[in-house]
N, C-alpha and C. Protein backbone atom coordinates (compact mmCIF):
# COMPACT_ATOMS: atom_id res chain seq x y z
N UNK A 1 9.58 -9.93 4.92
CA UNK A 1 9.17 -9.89 3.68
C UNK A 1 9.21 -8.42 3.10
N UNK A 2 9.36 -8.16 1.88
CA UNK A 2 9.26 -6.93 1.29
C UNK A 2 8.38 -6.98 0.15
N UNK A 3 7.47 -5.83 -0.01
CA UNK A 3 6.15 -6.00 -1.00
C UNK A 3 5.99 -4.63 -1.51
N UNK A 4 5.87 -4.47 -2.95
CA UNK A 4 5.53 -3.36 -3.46
C UNK A 4 3.94 -3.12 -3.37
N UNK A 5 3.62 -1.78 -3.02
CA UNK A 5 2.20 -1.50 -2.85
C UNK A 5 2.02 -0.09 -3.44
N UNK A 6 0.71 0.07 -3.76
CA UNK A 6 0.42 1.38 -4.24
C UNK A 6 -0.12 2.37 -3.25
N UNK A 7 0.33 3.63 -3.42
CA UNK A 7 -0.12 4.59 -2.57
C UNK A 7 -1.58 5.15 -3.06
N UNK A 8 -2.70 5.07 -2.06
CA UNK A 8 -3.88 5.47 -2.53
C UNK A 8 -4.24 6.82 -1.73
N UNK A 9 -3.54 7.15 -0.92
CA UNK A 9 -3.73 8.40 -0.03
C UNK A 9 -2.63 8.52 1.08
N UNK A 10 -2.91 9.69 1.75
CA UNK A 10 -2.19 10.00 2.97
C UNK A 10 -3.14 10.40 4.06
N UNK A 11 -2.67 10.54 5.37
CA UNK A 11 -3.36 11.04 6.41
C UNK A 11 -2.54 12.34 6.82
N UNK A 12 -3.13 13.25 7.50
CA UNK A 12 -2.72 14.51 8.20
C UNK A 12 -1.49 13.86 9.17
N UNK A 13 -0.58 14.87 9.46
CA UNK A 13 0.54 14.29 10.25
C UNK A 13 0.03 14.60 11.52
N UNK A 14 0.57 13.99 12.64
CA UNK A 14 0.47 14.30 14.11
C UNK A 14 1.64 14.93 14.71
N UNK A 15 1.54 15.66 15.70
CA UNK A 15 2.75 16.08 16.54
C UNK A 15 3.51 17.00 15.60
N UNK A 16 4.77 16.85 15.67
CA UNK A 16 5.91 17.80 15.10
C UNK A 16 6.20 17.27 13.69
N UNK A 17 5.85 16.13 13.37
CA UNK A 17 6.25 15.59 12.04
C UNK A 17 5.57 16.40 10.81
N UNK A 18 6.54 16.61 9.78
CA UNK A 18 5.90 17.39 8.63
C UNK A 18 5.23 16.57 7.54
N UNK A 19 4.66 17.18 6.70
CA UNK A 19 4.04 16.62 5.41
C UNK A 19 2.94 15.62 5.60
N UNK A 20 3.04 14.42 6.06
CA UNK A 20 2.07 13.49 6.17
C UNK A 20 2.20 12.59 7.39
N UNK A 21 1.19 12.06 7.85
CA UNK A 21 1.27 11.07 9.03
C UNK A 21 1.62 9.67 8.45
N UNK A 22 0.72 9.20 7.55
CA UNK A 22 0.93 7.77 7.01
C UNK A 22 0.55 7.76 5.60
N UNK A 23 1.03 6.79 4.87
CA UNK A 23 0.63 6.62 3.72
C UNK A 23 -0.44 5.36 3.48
N UNK A 24 -1.51 5.68 2.90
CA UNK A 24 -2.68 4.72 2.69
C UNK A 24 -2.41 3.68 1.66
N UNK A 25 -2.29 2.45 1.59
CA UNK A 25 -1.72 1.51 0.75
C UNK A 25 -2.56 0.63 0.37
N UNK A 26 -2.45 0.16 -1.04
CA UNK A 26 -3.37 -0.83 -1.61
C UNK A 26 -2.60 -1.76 -2.58
N UNK A 27 -3.51 -2.95 -2.95
CA UNK A 27 -2.79 -3.90 -3.70
C UNK A 27 -4.01 -4.10 -4.63
N UNK A 28 -3.96 -4.45 -5.96
CA UNK A 28 -4.95 -4.82 -6.88
C UNK A 28 -5.63 -6.30 -6.64
N UNK A 29 -6.82 -6.40 -6.50
CA UNK A 29 -7.29 -7.84 -6.56
C UNK A 29 -7.38 -8.37 -7.88
N UNK A 30 -7.93 -9.70 -7.76
CA UNK A 30 -8.10 -10.29 -9.06
C UNK A 30 -8.87 -9.55 -10.14
N UNK A 31 -9.80 -8.69 -9.81
CA UNK A 31 -10.62 -7.95 -10.72
C UNK A 31 -10.06 -6.59 -10.94
N UNK A 32 -8.82 -6.33 -10.54
CA UNK A 32 -8.14 -4.98 -10.92
C UNK A 32 -8.58 -3.86 -9.98
N UNK A 33 -9.33 -4.20 -8.84
CA UNK A 33 -9.75 -3.17 -8.01
C UNK A 33 -8.72 -2.78 -7.06
N UNK A 34 -8.41 -1.63 -6.53
CA UNK A 34 -7.55 -1.35 -5.70
C UNK A 34 -7.97 -1.67 -4.19
N UNK A 35 -7.37 -2.66 -3.48
CA UNK A 35 -8.04 -2.92 -2.08
C UNK A 35 -6.98 -2.39 -1.13
N UNK A 36 -7.50 -1.71 -0.13
CA UNK A 36 -6.81 -1.36 1.00
C UNK A 36 -6.12 -2.40 1.79
N UNK A 37 -4.64 -2.21 1.75
CA UNK A 37 -4.07 -3.37 2.81
C UNK A 37 -3.32 -2.76 3.93
N UNK A 38 -3.74 -1.40 4.37
CA UNK A 38 -2.98 -0.98 5.57
C UNK A 38 -2.20 0.48 5.32
N UNK A 39 -1.47 0.93 6.16
CA UNK A 39 -0.93 2.15 6.31
C UNK A 39 0.60 2.03 6.62
N UNK A 40 1.45 2.70 6.23
CA UNK A 40 2.71 2.91 6.77
C UNK A 40 3.13 4.37 7.14
N UNK A 41 3.79 4.28 8.46
CA UNK A 41 4.05 5.56 8.89
C UNK A 41 5.41 5.64 9.49
N UNK A 42 6.23 4.53 9.23
CA UNK A 42 7.58 4.59 9.84
C UNK A 42 8.71 4.15 8.72
N UNK A 43 9.80 4.49 8.90
CA UNK A 43 10.91 4.16 8.23
C UNK A 43 11.29 5.37 7.12
N UNK A 44 10.74 6.43 7.36
CA UNK A 44 11.06 7.70 6.29
C UNK A 44 11.97 8.52 6.91
N UNK A 45 12.93 8.98 6.09
CA UNK A 45 13.90 9.92 6.51
C UNK A 45 13.24 11.34 6.12
N UNK A 46 13.62 12.48 6.67
CA UNK A 46 12.99 13.70 6.39
C UNK A 46 12.96 14.13 4.92
N UNK A 47 14.21 13.82 4.31
CA UNK A 47 14.35 14.11 2.85
C UNK A 47 13.27 13.34 2.10
N UNK A 48 12.94 11.98 2.44
CA UNK A 48 11.94 10.99 1.74
C UNK A 48 10.64 11.78 1.96
N UNK A 49 10.36 12.05 3.21
CA UNK A 49 9.10 12.59 3.56
C UNK A 49 8.69 13.73 2.55
N UNK A 50 9.70 14.67 2.22
CA UNK A 50 9.52 15.85 1.49
C UNK A 50 9.32 15.45 -0.11
N UNK A 51 10.25 14.50 -0.52
CA UNK A 51 10.05 13.95 -1.93
C UNK A 51 8.77 13.40 -2.07
N UNK A 52 8.32 12.55 -1.28
CA UNK A 52 7.04 11.78 -1.39
C UNK A 52 5.84 12.94 -1.32
N UNK A 53 5.92 13.85 -0.37
CA UNK A 53 4.92 14.90 -0.30
C UNK A 53 4.76 15.63 -1.47
N UNK A 54 5.76 15.96 -2.07
CA UNK A 54 5.79 16.66 -3.49
C UNK A 54 4.97 15.84 -4.52
N UNK A 55 5.19 14.64 -4.49
CA UNK A 55 4.59 13.86 -5.69
C UNK A 55 3.22 13.57 -5.21
N UNK A 56 2.86 13.26 -3.95
CA UNK A 56 1.49 13.14 -3.58
C UNK A 56 0.58 14.52 -3.94
N UNK A 57 1.05 15.67 -3.64
CA UNK A 57 0.47 16.83 -3.86
C UNK A 57 -0.04 16.90 -5.42
N UNK A 58 0.97 16.50 -6.16
CA UNK A 58 0.61 16.42 -7.69
C UNK A 58 -0.31 15.63 -8.19
N UNK A 59 -0.69 14.48 -7.20
CA UNK A 59 -1.57 13.49 -7.74
C UNK A 59 -2.85 13.60 -7.08
N UNK A 60 -3.08 14.46 -6.10
CA UNK A 60 -4.22 14.63 -5.22
C UNK A 60 -5.63 14.67 -6.12
N UNK A 61 -6.67 13.95 -5.59
CA UNK A 61 -7.91 13.87 -6.09
C UNK A 61 -8.84 13.89 -5.00
N UNK A 62 -10.03 14.18 -5.39
CA UNK A 62 -11.15 14.10 -4.47
C UNK A 62 -11.94 12.86 -3.99
N UNK A 63 -11.63 11.90 -4.89
CA UNK A 63 -12.36 10.47 -4.45
C UNK A 63 -11.12 9.51 -4.18
N UNK A 64 -11.61 8.75 -3.29
CA UNK A 64 -10.61 7.55 -2.89
C UNK A 64 -10.71 6.51 -4.02
N UNK A 65 -9.45 6.05 -4.23
CA UNK A 65 -9.05 4.92 -5.15
C UNK A 65 -9.55 3.64 -4.73
N UNK A 66 -10.07 3.47 -3.55
CA UNK A 66 -10.46 2.19 -2.86
C UNK A 66 -11.96 2.13 -2.93
N UNK A 67 -12.53 0.79 -3.27
CA UNK A 67 -14.00 0.84 -3.26
C UNK A 67 -14.54 0.73 -2.08
N UNK A 68 -13.86 0.44 -0.96
CA UNK A 68 -14.25 0.41 0.36
C UNK A 68 -13.24 1.51 0.87
N UNK A 69 -13.68 2.56 1.49
CA UNK A 69 -12.87 3.62 2.06
C UNK A 69 -12.57 3.34 3.49
N UNK A 70 -11.32 3.34 3.84
CA UNK A 70 -10.51 2.87 4.94
C UNK A 70 -10.88 3.78 6.21
N UNK A 71 -11.24 3.41 7.28
CA UNK A 71 -11.49 4.39 8.46
C UNK A 71 -10.11 4.82 8.93
N UNK A 72 -9.96 6.06 9.22
CA UNK A 72 -8.74 6.79 9.69
C UNK A 72 -8.92 7.70 10.82
N UNK A 73 -8.21 7.78 11.84
CA UNK A 73 -8.16 8.68 12.70
C UNK A 73 -8.14 9.95 12.30
N UNK A 74 -6.80 10.23 11.61
CA UNK A 74 -6.54 11.57 11.07
C UNK A 74 -7.38 11.77 9.82
N UNK A 75 -7.50 12.97 9.42
CA UNK A 75 -8.14 13.16 8.03
C UNK A 75 -7.39 12.59 7.01
N UNK A 76 -8.07 11.90 5.96
CA UNK A 76 -7.34 11.24 4.81
C UNK A 76 -7.58 12.23 3.40
N UNK A 77 -6.46 12.13 2.72
CA UNK A 77 -6.52 12.80 1.53
C UNK A 77 -6.29 11.72 0.31
N UNK A 78 -6.74 11.81 -0.74
CA UNK A 78 -6.77 10.77 -1.84
C UNK A 78 -5.95 11.23 -2.93
N UNK A 79 -5.14 10.29 -3.64
CA UNK A 79 -4.28 10.32 -4.63
C UNK A 79 -4.69 9.39 -5.80
N UNK A 80 -4.23 9.82 -7.08
CA UNK A 80 -4.46 8.83 -8.25
C UNK A 80 -3.35 7.74 -7.92
N UNK A 81 -3.82 6.54 -8.05
CA UNK A 81 -2.93 5.46 -7.82
C UNK A 81 -1.74 5.21 -8.78
N UNK A 82 -0.74 6.12 -8.86
CA UNK A 82 0.42 6.05 -9.60
C UNK A 82 1.70 6.01 -8.92
N UNK A 83 1.68 6.09 -7.54
CA UNK A 83 3.11 5.78 -6.90
C UNK A 83 2.99 4.58 -6.18
N UNK A 84 4.13 3.93 -6.36
CA UNK A 84 4.19 2.68 -5.65
C UNK A 84 5.47 2.94 -4.63
N UNK A 85 5.49 2.24 -3.54
CA UNK A 85 6.42 2.00 -2.50
C UNK A 85 6.60 0.53 -2.14
N UNK A 86 7.92 0.33 -1.72
CA UNK A 86 8.29 -1.03 -1.21
C UNK A 86 8.27 -0.72 0.38
N UNK A 87 7.52 -1.81 0.91
CA UNK A 87 7.45 -1.88 2.55
C UNK A 87 7.84 -3.10 2.75
N UNK A 88 8.69 -3.20 4.06
CA UNK A 88 9.13 -4.40 4.80
C UNK A 88 7.82 -4.66 5.77
N UNK A 89 7.62 -6.06 6.01
CA UNK A 89 6.45 -6.23 6.97
C UNK A 89 6.63 -7.76 7.37
N UNK A 90 5.88 -8.02 8.49
CA UNK A 90 6.09 -9.18 9.01
C UNK A 90 5.33 -10.41 8.71
N UNK A 91 4.29 -9.95 7.85
CA UNK A 91 3.19 -11.04 7.40
C UNK A 91 2.02 -10.27 7.29
N UNK A 92 0.89 -11.10 6.92
CA UNK A 92 -0.37 -10.60 6.66
C UNK A 92 -1.36 -11.09 7.75
N UNK A 93 -2.19 -9.94 8.07
CA UNK A 93 -3.15 -10.28 9.09
C UNK A 93 -4.29 -11.16 8.32
N UNK A 94 -5.18 -11.92 9.16
CA UNK A 94 -6.23 -12.64 8.80
C UNK A 94 -7.19 -11.74 7.87
N UNK A 95 -7.19 -10.47 8.06
CA UNK A 95 -8.36 -9.60 7.32
C UNK A 95 -7.41 -9.00 6.07
N UNK A 96 -6.23 -9.39 5.84
CA UNK A 96 -5.68 -9.08 4.56
C UNK A 96 -4.85 -7.75 4.62
N UNK A 97 -4.34 -7.44 5.95
CA UNK A 97 -3.71 -6.20 6.06
C UNK A 97 -2.14 -6.51 6.30
N UNK A 98 -1.34 -5.49 5.89
CA UNK A 98 0.16 -5.82 6.19
C UNK A 98 0.29 -5.67 7.80
N UNK A 99 1.19 -6.53 8.27
CA UNK A 99 1.41 -6.60 9.64
C UNK A 99 2.80 -6.02 9.78
N UNK A 100 2.87 -4.74 10.57
CA UNK A 100 3.86 -3.88 10.99
C UNK A 100 4.75 -3.46 9.68
N UNK A 101 4.19 -2.76 8.80
CA UNK A 101 4.84 -2.41 7.70
C UNK A 101 5.77 -1.09 7.98
N UNK A 102 6.90 -1.17 7.35
CA UNK A 102 7.92 -0.11 7.48
C UNK A 102 8.29 0.18 6.09
N UNK A 103 8.43 1.53 5.71
CA UNK A 103 8.79 2.01 4.40
C UNK A 103 10.23 1.77 4.16
N UNK A 104 10.38 1.22 2.78
CA UNK A 104 11.87 0.99 2.43
C UNK A 104 12.26 1.91 1.35
N UNK A 105 11.53 1.89 0.35
CA UNK A 105 12.04 3.05 -0.76
C UNK A 105 10.69 3.45 -1.66
N UNK A 106 10.73 4.39 -2.20
CA UNK A 106 9.89 4.90 -3.33
C UNK A 106 10.28 4.22 -4.48
N UNK A 107 9.25 3.72 -5.20
CA UNK A 107 9.34 2.82 -6.47
C UNK A 107 9.09 3.80 -7.49
N UNK A 108 9.58 3.50 -8.91
CA UNK A 108 9.38 4.34 -9.90
C UNK A 108 7.80 4.71 -10.14
N UNK A 109 7.49 5.72 -10.55
CA UNK A 109 5.89 5.92 -10.71
C UNK A 109 5.32 4.79 -11.85
N UNK A 110 4.28 4.58 -11.58
CA UNK A 110 3.47 3.54 -12.28
C UNK A 110 2.29 4.26 -13.23
N UNK A 111 2.04 3.47 -14.38
CA UNK A 111 0.83 4.02 -15.05
C UNK A 111 -0.38 3.38 -14.22
N UNK A 112 -1.49 3.85 -14.57
CA UNK A 112 -2.68 3.27 -13.96
C UNK A 112 -2.85 1.76 -14.12
N UNK A 113 -2.65 1.42 -15.54
CA UNK A 113 -2.51 0.08 -15.99
C UNK A 113 -1.52 -0.71 -15.09
N UNK A 114 -0.39 -0.39 -15.11
CA UNK A 114 0.67 -1.07 -14.31
C UNK A 114 0.54 -1.08 -12.98
N UNK A 115 -0.29 -0.17 -12.28
CA UNK A 115 -0.64 -0.25 -10.77
C UNK A 115 -1.74 -1.44 -10.58
N UNK A 116 -2.47 -1.80 -11.58
CA UNK A 116 -3.35 -2.87 -11.57
C UNK A 116 -2.58 -4.28 -11.55
N UNK A 117 -1.11 -4.24 -11.85
CA UNK A 117 -0.56 -5.55 -11.84
C UNK A 117 0.18 -5.63 -10.44
N UNK A 118 0.14 -4.64 -9.61
CA UNK A 118 0.71 -4.86 -8.20
C UNK A 118 -0.28 -5.50 -7.40
N UNK A 119 -0.09 -6.88 -7.20
CA UNK A 119 -1.01 -7.90 -6.56
C UNK A 119 -0.27 -8.43 -5.29
N UNK A 120 -1.02 -8.99 -4.41
CA UNK A 120 -0.37 -9.76 -3.35
C UNK A 120 0.22 -10.91 -3.74
N UNK A 121 1.62 -11.06 -3.35
CA UNK A 121 2.36 -12.09 -3.71
C UNK A 121 2.09 -13.27 -2.55
N UNK A 122 1.77 -14.50 -2.91
CA UNK A 122 1.40 -15.39 -2.13
C UNK A 122 2.81 -15.93 -1.30
N UNK A 123 2.69 -16.10 0.01
CA UNK A 123 3.86 -16.42 0.70
C UNK A 123 4.18 -17.92 0.20
N UNK A 124 5.35 -18.23 0.51
CA UNK A 124 5.85 -19.72 0.18
C UNK A 124 4.81 -20.78 0.94
N UNK A 125 4.57 -20.42 2.13
CA UNK A 125 3.74 -21.55 2.80
C UNK A 125 2.30 -21.66 2.16
N UNK A 126 1.78 -20.43 1.68
CA UNK A 126 0.41 -20.36 1.15
C UNK A 126 0.62 -21.18 -0.24
N UNK A 127 1.55 -20.98 -0.97
CA UNK A 127 1.72 -21.60 -2.32
C UNK A 127 1.77 -23.26 -2.02
N UNK A 128 2.58 -23.62 -1.14
CA UNK A 128 2.72 -25.09 -0.62
C UNK A 128 1.25 -25.66 -0.43
N UNK A 129 0.45 -24.87 0.32
CA UNK A 129 -0.84 -25.34 0.86
C UNK A 129 -1.82 -25.43 -0.28
N UNK A 130 -1.69 -24.67 -1.36
CA UNK A 130 -2.52 -24.63 -2.46
C UNK A 130 -2.18 -25.93 -3.49
N UNK A 131 -0.77 -26.16 -3.60
CA UNK A 131 -0.30 -27.12 -4.34
C UNK A 131 -0.64 -28.54 -3.84
N UNK A 132 -0.57 -28.65 -2.42
CA UNK A 132 -0.86 -29.78 -1.73
C UNK A 132 -2.38 -30.11 -2.04
N UNK A 133 -3.30 -29.19 -1.89
CA UNK A 133 -4.62 -29.36 -2.16
C UNK A 133 -5.01 -29.81 -3.36
N UNK A 134 -4.28 -29.08 -4.46
CA UNK A 134 -4.68 -29.53 -5.77
C UNK A 134 -4.08 -30.98 -5.97
N UNK A 135 -2.99 -31.36 -5.48
CA UNK A 135 -2.51 -32.74 -5.53
C UNK A 135 -3.56 -33.81 -4.98
N UNK A 136 -4.21 -33.41 -3.75
CA UNK A 136 -5.17 -34.31 -3.25
C UNK A 136 -6.40 -34.55 -3.98
N UNK A 137 -6.64 -33.39 -4.88
CA UNK A 137 -8.00 -33.51 -5.58
C UNK A 137 -7.79 -34.39 -6.83
N UNK A 138 -6.79 -34.57 -7.19
CA UNK A 138 -6.22 -35.58 -8.62
C UNK A 138 -6.41 -36.84 -8.37
């Protein structure tokens, strides 16, 4: 699966990698709040790391865009939620996190309003279950 998510921050890099360790990702909930859904740290080329880093630095802010601040091992830095990325992942965990996300590409910058429209897409299996449940109630 591939999904568009909003960048809410980044962590310090580890080892010899430049710029950032991982991107902290979110998706808007039904109330328009940005909810943390995980981090992505793989799939980047060196050129992409530099390009994303430049944009992150321009959006840096002191406060987290997430109502519940995610725990991180490395120091976290926050950004205004205006950048979106596409990630490939294998599914969702029970607690609503992306399973094994890998960076695919940087999406076009979003406005704060447009960022609220980036929501979790229901998997085909989940849509069928909801439809079946609705049919049983009728």
